[in-house]
Protein backbone atom coordinates (compact mmCIF):
# COMPACT_ATOMS: atom_id res chain seq x y z
CA UNK A 1 26.67 -3.98 12.68
CA UNK A 2 23.52 -3.38 10.57
CA UNK A 3 23.30 -4.13 6.84
CA UNK A 4 22.88 -0.93 4.92
CA UNK A 5 19.87 -1.39 2.49
CA UNK A 6 22.65 -1.27 -0.36
CA UNK A 7 24.37 -4.14 1.25
CA UNK A 8 21.44 -5.81 1.82
CA UNK A 9 20.04 -5.73 -1.83
CA UNK A 10 23.69 -6.25 -3.44
CA UNK A 11 23.36 -9.71 -0.95
CA UNK A 12 19.99 -10.36 -2.54
CA UNK A 13 21.43 -9.64 -5.86
CA UNK A 14 24.20 -12.23 -5.51
CA UNK A 15 21.62 -15.03 -4.79
CA UNK A 16 20.07 -14.45 -8.25
CA UNK A 17 21.90 -16.30 -11.25
CA UNK A 18 22.12 -13.88 -13.93
CA UNK A 19 21.52 -10.84 -12.25
CA UNK A 20 23.32 -7.44 -13.91
CA UNK A 21 22.77 -5.35 -10.96
CA UNK A 22 19.99 -3.33 -12.73
CA UNK A 23 17.21 -4.17 -10.28
CA UNK A 24 19.60 -2.84 -7.31
CA UNK A 25 20.29 0.02 -9.20
CA UNK A 26 16.59 0.89 -9.57
CA UNK A 27 16.00 0.43 -6.10
CA UNK A 28 18.57 2.74 -5.03
CA UNK A 29 16.95 5.27 -7.33
CA UNK A 30 13.85 4.23 -5.34
CA UNK A 31 15.41 4.86 -1.80
CA UNK A 32 16.67 8.18 -3.15
CA UNK A 33 13.60 9.29 -3.89
CA UNK A 34 12.14 8.64 -0.86
CA UNK A 35 14.87 10.22 0.97
CA UNK A 36 14.37 13.82 -0.88
CA UNK A 37 10.54 13.46 -0.40
CA UNK A 38 11.57 12.63 3.44
CA UNK A 39 13.48 16.11 3.31
CA UNK A 40 10.96 17.87 2.21
CA UNK A 41 8.11 16.59 4.48
CA UNK A 42 10.18 17.28 7.56
CA UNK A 43 10.71 20.71 6.68
CA UNK A 44 7.01 21.70 6.98
CA UNK A 45 5.85 24.88 6.73
CA UNK A 46 9.45 26.12 6.72
CA UNK A 47 9.54 24.32 3.33
CA UNK A 48 6.78 26.88 1.79
CA UNK A 49 5.00 23.46 0.29
CA UNK A 50 2.25 23.02 2.42
CA UNK A 51 -1.46 23.98 1.43
CA UNK A 52 -3.40 22.80 -1.83
CA UNK A 53 -1.75 23.20 -4.94
CA UNK A 54 -4.87 24.74 -6.87
CA UNK A 55 -4.74 21.35 -9.18
CA UNK A 56 -6.44 18.10 -9.27
CA UNK A 57 -5.01 14.77 -10.18
CA UNK A 58 -5.94 12.14 -12.74
CA UNK A 59 -9.20 11.02 -10.60
CA UNK A 60 -10.41 14.74 -9.99
CA UNK A 61 -9.13 14.72 -6.38
CA UNK A 62 -7.32 18.00 -5.03
CA UNK A 63 -4.00 18.09 -4.84
CA UNK A 64 -1.45 19.16 -1.90
CA UNK A 65 1.50 21.41 -3.17
CA UNK A 66 3.41 18.08 -1.71
CA UNK A 67 1.47 15.75 -4.16
CA UNK A 68 2.82 17.68 -6.73
CA UNK A 69 6.38 17.95 -5.64
CA UNK A 70 7.12 14.46 -4.25
CA UNK A 71 5.45 13.24 -8.30
CA UNK A 72 8.12 15.21 -9.74
CA UNK A 73 11.01 14.16 -7.29
CA UNK A 74 10.17 10.35 -7.83
CA UNK A 75 9.78 10.72 -11.85
CA UNK A 76 12.82 12.80 -12.31
CA UNK A 77 14.78 10.59 -9.70
CA UNK A 78 14.15 7.29 -11.68
CA UNK A 79 13.82 8.45 -15.27
CA UNK A 80 17.32 8.77 -16.15
CA UNK A 81 19.29 5.72 -14.84
CA UNK A 82 18.65 3.29 -17.34
CA UNK A 83 16.43 0.72 -15.41
CA UNK A 84 12.80 1.82 -16.27
CA UNK A 85 11.03 1.17 -19.64
CA UNK A 86 7.61 3.41 -18.26
CA UNK A 87 6.26 4.91 -14.82
CA UNK A 88 2.51 5.24 -13.89
CA UNK A 89 1.29 7.61 -10.83
CA UNK A 90 -1.82 8.52 -9.02
CA UNK A 91 -0.80 11.81 -10.13
CA UNK A 92 -0.32 11.34 -13.60
CA UNK A 93 -3.14 10.62 -15.76
CA UNK A 94 -1.42 8.48 -18.63
CA UNK A 95 1.92 6.13 -18.49
CA UNK A 96 4.88 8.12 -18.48
CA UNK A 97 7.26 6.59 -20.85
CA UNK A 98 11.13 7.07 -20.21
CA UNK A 99 12.26 9.99 -22.69
CA UNK A 100 14.16 9.35 -25.32
CA UNK A 101 17.61 11.16 -24.06
CA UNK A 102 17.72 8.35 -21.54
CA UNK A 103 18.65 4.35 -21.65
CA UNK A 104 15.68 2.16 -21.28
CA UNK A 105 15.36 -0.46 -19.02
CA UNK A 106 13.77 -3.85 -18.31
CA UNK A 107 11.54 -2.69 -15.67
CA UNK A 108 8.04 -0.81 -15.10
CA UNK A 109 7.55 1.73 -11.71
CA UNK A 110 4.24 2.19 -10.48
CA UNK A 111 3.94 4.71 -7.37
CA UNK A 112 1.83 6.69 -5.09
CA UNK A 113 4.28 9.33 -4.59
CA UNK A 114 2.54 11.10 -1.19
CA UNK A 115 0.20 8.56 0.17
CA UNK A 116 -2.14 10.44 2.83
CA UNK A 117 -1.25 13.75 2.08
CA UNK A 118 -4.17 15.61 3.43
CA UNK A 119 -3.05 14.50 6.32
CA UNK A 120 0.36 16.88 5.81
CA UNK A 121 -1.35 20.22 7.66
CA UNK A 122 -1.71 18.51 10.70
CA UNK A 123 1.51 16.52 10.92
CA UNK A 124 0.18 12.82 10.52
CA UNK A 125 2.48 10.39 8.82
CA UNK A 126 2.21 9.93 5.31
CA UNK A 127 4.19 7.83 2.97
CA UNK A 128 4.98 6.83 -0.51
CA UNK A 129 4.03 3.56 -1.84
CA UNK A 130 5.90 1.67 -5.03
CA UNK A 131 5.64 -1.41 -6.99
CA UNK A 132 8.24 -3.13 -9.68
CA UNK A 133 6.70 -4.87 -12.62
CA UNK A 134 8.93 -6.40 -15.53
CA UNK A 135 8.32 -4.89 -19.29
CA UNK A 136 7.73 -6.95 -22.13
CA UNK A 137 10.60 -7.64 -23.93
CA UNK A 138 11.73 -6.42 -27.19
CA UNK A 139 11.60 -2.88 -28.53
CA UNK A 140 8.02 -1.95 -28.73
CA UNK A 141 7.28 1.50 -27.19
CA UNK A 142 5.56 1.02 -23.44
CA UNK A 143 1.94 0.66 -23.31
CA UNK A 144 -0.75 1.24 -20.50
CA UNK A 145 -1.35 -2.95 -20.88
CA UNK A 146 2.14 -3.49 -19.56
CA UNK A 147 1.22 -2.27 -16.25
CA UNK A 148 -2.31 -4.36 -16.27
CA UNK A 149 -0.94 -7.12 -14.48
CA UNK A 150 -1.80 -8.94 -11.50
CA UNK A 151 -0.17 -8.05 -8.26
CA UNK A 152 1.70 -11.86 -8.20
CA UNK A 153 3.78 -10.57 -11.02
CA UNK A 154 5.26 -7.82 -8.84
CA UNK A 155 9.18 -8.54 -8.58
CA UNK A 156 9.27 -5.95 -5.58
CA UNK A 157 7.16 -3.67 -3.41
CA UNK A 158 7.43 -1.34 -0.65
CA UNK A 159 6.68 1.87 0.91
CA UNK A 160 8.34 4.67 3.00
CA UNK A 161 6.77 6.33 5.82
CA UNK A 162 7.46 9.78 6.67
CA UNK A 163 7.18 10.07 10.43
CA UNK A 164 8.80 10.82 13.64
CA UNK A 165 11.42 8.39 12.12
CA UNK A 166 11.48 7.67 8.24
CA UNK A 167 11.30 4.00 7.06
CA UNK A 168 11.45 2.05 3.92
CA UNK A 169 9.74 -1.37 3.86
CA UNK A 170 9.72 -3.51 1.17
CA UNK A 171 9.75 -7.23 0.11
CA UNK A 172 11.62 -8.70 -3.06
CA UNK A 173 8.91 -11.84 -2.47
CA UNK A 174 11.58 -13.43 -0.13
CA UNK A 175 10.05 -11.85 3.39
CA UNK A 176 9.28 -8.42 4.41
CA UNK A 177 12.04 -6.06 5.77
CA UNK A 178 12.12 -2.70 7.23
CA UNK A 179 14.98 -0.12 7.02
CA UNK A 180 15.60 2.69 9.19
CA UNK A 181 16.85 6.20 7.91
CA UNK A 182 19.63 7.21 9.65
CA UNK A 183 20.03 10.87 9.45
CA UNK A 184 23.53 11.21 10.56
CA UNK A 185 24.77 9.23 7.74
CA UNK A 186 22.21 9.32 5.48
CA UNK A 187 21.62 5.74 4.82
CA UNK A 188 18.70 3.18 5.42
CA UNK A 189 19.82 0.61 7.93
CA UNK A 190 18.35 -2.57 8.19
CA UNK A 191 16.31 -2.61 11.57
CA UNK A 192 13.31 -4.90 11.15
CA UNK A 193 14.39 -8.50 9.24
CA UNK A 194 11.65 -10.72 8.67
CA UNK A 195 8.88 -9.18 10.15
CA UNK A 196 5.50 -10.89 10.95
CA UNK A 197 2.02 -10.05 11.64
CA UNK A 198 0.25 -12.40 14.01
CA UNK A 199 -2.39 -14.62 12.94
CA UNK A 200 -4.89 -13.12 15.50
CA UNK A 201 -6.04 -9.76 16.56
CA UNK A 202 -8.27 -7.47 18.80
CA UNK A 203 -7.85 -4.38 16.71
CA UNK A 204 -9.40 -3.19 13.33
CA UNK A 205 -9.28 -0.04 11.61
CA UNK A 206 -12.32 1.24 9.62
CA UNK A 207 -13.71 4.70 8.26
CA UNK A 208 -17.18 4.57 10.44
CA UNK A 209 -18.56 7.59 8.73
CA UNK A 210 -18.93 5.34 5.72
CA UNK A 211 -21.15 2.55 7.62
CA UNK A 212 -24.47 3.47 6.03
CA UNK A 213 -23.14 2.25 3.04
CA UNK A 214 -21.36 -1.06 3.55
CA UNK A 215 -22.32 -4.35 2.57
CA UNK A 216 -23.94 -6.79 4.81
CA UNK A 217 -21.00 -8.77 5.08
CA UNK A 218 -18.81 -5.83 6.84
CA UNK A 219 -21.59 -4.71 8.75
CA UNK A 220 -22.04 -7.64 10.46
CA UNK A 221 -18.32 -7.78 11.23
CA UNK A 222 -18.07 -4.47 12.82
CA UNK A 223 -20.80 -5.10 14.78
CA UNK A 224 -19.48 -8.19 16.25
CA UNK A 225 -16.07 -6.37 16.86
CA UNK A 226 -17.86 -3.54 18.75
CA UNK A 227 -20.11 -6.06 21.37
CA UNK A 228 -17.28 -6.91 22.66
CA UNK A 229 -16.58 -9.88 25.28
CA UNK A 230 -20.42 -10.01 25.71
CA UNK A 231 -20.69 -10.47 22.10
CA UNK A 232 -20.12 -13.29 19.61
CA UNK A 233 -16.19 -12.65 19.53
CA UNK A 234 -16.14 -13.02 23.10
CA UNK A 235 -13.41 -10.06 23.66
CA UNK A 236 -12.87 -6.47 23.42
CA UNK A 237 -11.29 -5.02 20.32
CA UNK A 238 -9.93 -1.42 19.59
CA UNK A 239 -10.73 0.42 16.68
CA UNK A 240 -8.56 2.95 14.73
CA UNK A 241 -8.32 4.94 11.88
CA UNK A 242 -5.51 7.23 10.19
CA UNK A 243 -6.72 8.07 7.10
CA UNK A 244 -3.27 6.72 5.22
CA UNK A 245 -2.72 3.67 4.02
CA UNK A 246 0.93 3.82 4.53
CA UNK A 247 0.36 4.56 8.14
CA UNK A 248 -2.59 1.76 8.62
CA UNK A 249 -0.12 -0.78 7.03
CA UNK A 250 2.98 0.06 9.04
CA UNK A 251 1.01 -0.17 11.91
CA UNK A 252 0.01 -3.73 11.41
CA UNK A 253 3.29 -4.94 10.47
CA UNK A 254 4.50 -3.68 13.85
CA UNK A 255 2.05 -4.85 16.12
CA UNK A 256 -0.90 -6.95 14.54
CA UNK A 257 -4.28 -5.77 13.19
CA UNK A 258 -6.39 -5.88 10.24
CA UNK A 259 -7.76 -2.94 8.06
CA UNK A 260 -10.92 -2.71 5.97
CA UNK A 261 -11.62 -0.25 3.12
CA UNK A 262 -14.17 -2.21 1.71
CA UNK A 263 -16.45 -1.87 -1.46
CA UNK A 264 -19.61 0.02 -0.68
CA UNK A 265 -22.92 0.90 -2.04
CA UNK A 266 -22.06 4.87 -3.03
CA UNK A 267 -21.11 4.04 -6.49
CA UNK A 268 -22.32 0.20 -8.10
CA UNK A 269 -19.95 0.45 -10.90
CA UNK A 270 -16.99 1.38 -8.50
CA UNK A 271 -15.47 -1.94 -6.91
CA UNK A 272 -13.59 0.20 -4.48
CA UNK A 273 -11.77 3.18 -3.32
CA UNK A 274 -7.78 2.35 -3.17
CA UNK A 275 -6.05 1.68 -6.59
CA UNK A 276 -5.11 -1.52 -7.60
CA UNK A 277 -1.94 -0.89 -9.49
CA UNK A 278 0.16 1.48 -7.09
CA UNK A 279 -1.52 1.22 -3.72
CA UNK A 280 -3.73 -1.86 -2.73
CA UNK A 281 -1.12 -4.62 -4.98
CA UNK A 282 2.15 -3.45 -3.55
CA UNK A 283 0.88 -3.10 0.17
CA UNK A 284 -0.65 -6.48 -0.28
CA UNK A 285 2.62 -7.90 -1.23
CA UNK A 286 4.20 -6.50 1.37
CA UNK A 287 1.46 -7.71 3.95
CA UNK A 288 1.64 -11.67 2.78
CA UNK A 289 5.18 -11.63 2.83
CA UNK A 290 5.05 -10.99 6.47
CA UNK A 291 2.55 -13.62 6.76
CA UNK A 292 -0.78 -11.89 6.67
CA UNK A 293 -3.58 -12.24 4.08
CA UNK A 294 -4.86 -9.41 1.88
CA UNK A 295 -8.59 -9.40 -0.03
CA UNK A 296 -11.08 -7.86 -2.22
CA UNK A 297 -13.37 -9.14 0.29
CA UNK A 298 -14.32 -12.26 -2.42
CA UNK A 299 -10.75 -12.87 -3.69
CA UNK A 300 -6.97 -12.28 -2.82
CA UNK A 301 -6.27 -9.38 -4.17
CA UNK A 302 -2.78 -10.14 -5.23
CA UNK A 303 -4.78 -12.49 -8.02
CA UNK A 304 -6.71 -9.40 -9.46
CA UNK A 305 -5.49 -7.62 -12.80
CA UNK A 306 -6.46 -3.98 -12.95
CA UNK A 307 -8.37 -3.22 -16.21
CA UNK A 308 -7.26 0.24 -16.25
CA UNK A 309 -4.13 2.34 -14.76
CA UNK A 310 -6.51 3.85 -12.19
CA UNK A 311 -8.89 1.08 -11.57
CA UNK A 312 -9.75 0.98 -7.83
CA UNK A 313 -10.77 -1.96 -5.52
CA UNK A 314 -12.14 -2.87 -2.01
CA UNK A 315 -9.19 -3.82 0.36
CA UNK A 316 -9.07 -5.85 3.59
CA UNK A 317 -5.70 -6.68 4.89
CA UNK A 318 -3.80 -7.78 7.92
CA UNK A 319 -3.90 -10.55 10.92
CA UNK A 320 -4.35 -13.73 8.52
CA UNK A 321 -7.52 -15.10 10.55
CA UNK A 322 -9.42 -11.88 10.65
CA UNK A 323 -9.17 -11.65 6.59
CA UNK A 324 -10.26 -15.13 6.63
CA UNK A 325 -13.38 -14.29 8.35
CA UNK A 326 -14.37 -11.42 6.54
CA UNK A 327 -13.94 -13.72 3.39
CA UNK A 328 -16.59 -16.20 4.56
CA UNK A 329 -18.77 -13.49 5.69
CA UNK A 330 -18.65 -12.33 2.32
CA UNK A 331 -19.54 -15.36 0.96
CA UNK A 332 -22.35 -16.26 3.71
CA UNK A 333 -24.17 -13.23 4.78
CA UNK A 334 -23.56 -10.71 1.70
CA UNK A 335 -26.94 -12.00 -0.12
CA UNK A 336 -29.26 -10.33 1.60
CA UNK A 337 -29.35 -6.85 3.56
CA UNK A 338 -28.33 -7.24 7.14
CA UNK A 339 -30.74 -5.25 9.24
CA UNK A 340 -30.34 -6.94 12.63
CA UNK A 341 -30.31 -4.04 15.68
CA UNK A 342 -26.65 -3.57 16.61
CA UNK A 343 -24.72 -6.52 18.32
CA UNK A 344 -27.76 -8.86 18.23
CA UNK A 345 -26.35 -10.97 15.37
CA UNK A 346 -24.37 -13.69 16.90
CA UNK A 347 -22.82 -14.73 13.51
CA UNK A 348 -21.22 -17.70 12.26
CA UNK A 349 -18.73 -18.04 14.70
CA UNK A 350 -20.02 -19.32 18.50
CA UNK A 351 -17.71 -16.93 21.66
CA UNK A 352 -14.22 -17.66 21.76
CA UNK A 353 -14.39 -19.56 18.70
């Protein structure tokens, strides 16, 4: 008989000397928030929540109605249980301290309540991403600086994906595990234990509409992949793009691949498009715990500490050997413009290497 998520968490709790159960309670609240959002997303147009909200988030992006509703669900579900000191979200400009009427806990929660929400109206999978950090000890009020920890300090990270089935994927730092929502009993059931990403792949995901802004290393990599078996890689590649970070990560966990949302040359002061604290860092932890790699293009992503709540980063993750190749290209080929004709450059590696 498969374990429920609660049974799995209690089993993990028993392995930790001195555990009080607070962390298990927190993840059960996150689980409940994801179930509530899954139900709301699943109703589609019947729930009257599709379309734009007529507002913008803290980064000036237009919000969907479901962005606002999902954020409210996450906040209200997690604020009262006594496990958290504060929360941050893509949809909230400032940190959200736990209201005084509720007990204050030992953890911090950063989340993207509805990743990929631009796909909602066309019924493409969307999801929620979350990251758990330890709050500083003491009674001082929570501060923005408390959240500016590198991804290596995460206690837990994961995501929920709302597709044909709803799954919750998480890591506690000891492997990455997938739980499928059994709608008949309302429980997440452990269905994918110790997910592993193959080190090699012939599938990559990137938004090619940004090709004119790519750095030389990325242009070279994509050209070599597109050259197929007659090019320097010596094999054909498939290209994918869903425009939902959760969906991209889930595909890579389930069948392999590499994802690129690299820094580009549109805004010299911006280091990328995806937010470190509640998008890139939690996904990077999930990927690394499944045997993959995650990088900014120049360094291991989990070692980067955000300098602000909504700081962005370039993000490359997936099959370890492909991410390593991309890191090498950023070191070796990013010093000058890559202007070779398409497929002409053979690159550092010989075919079949």
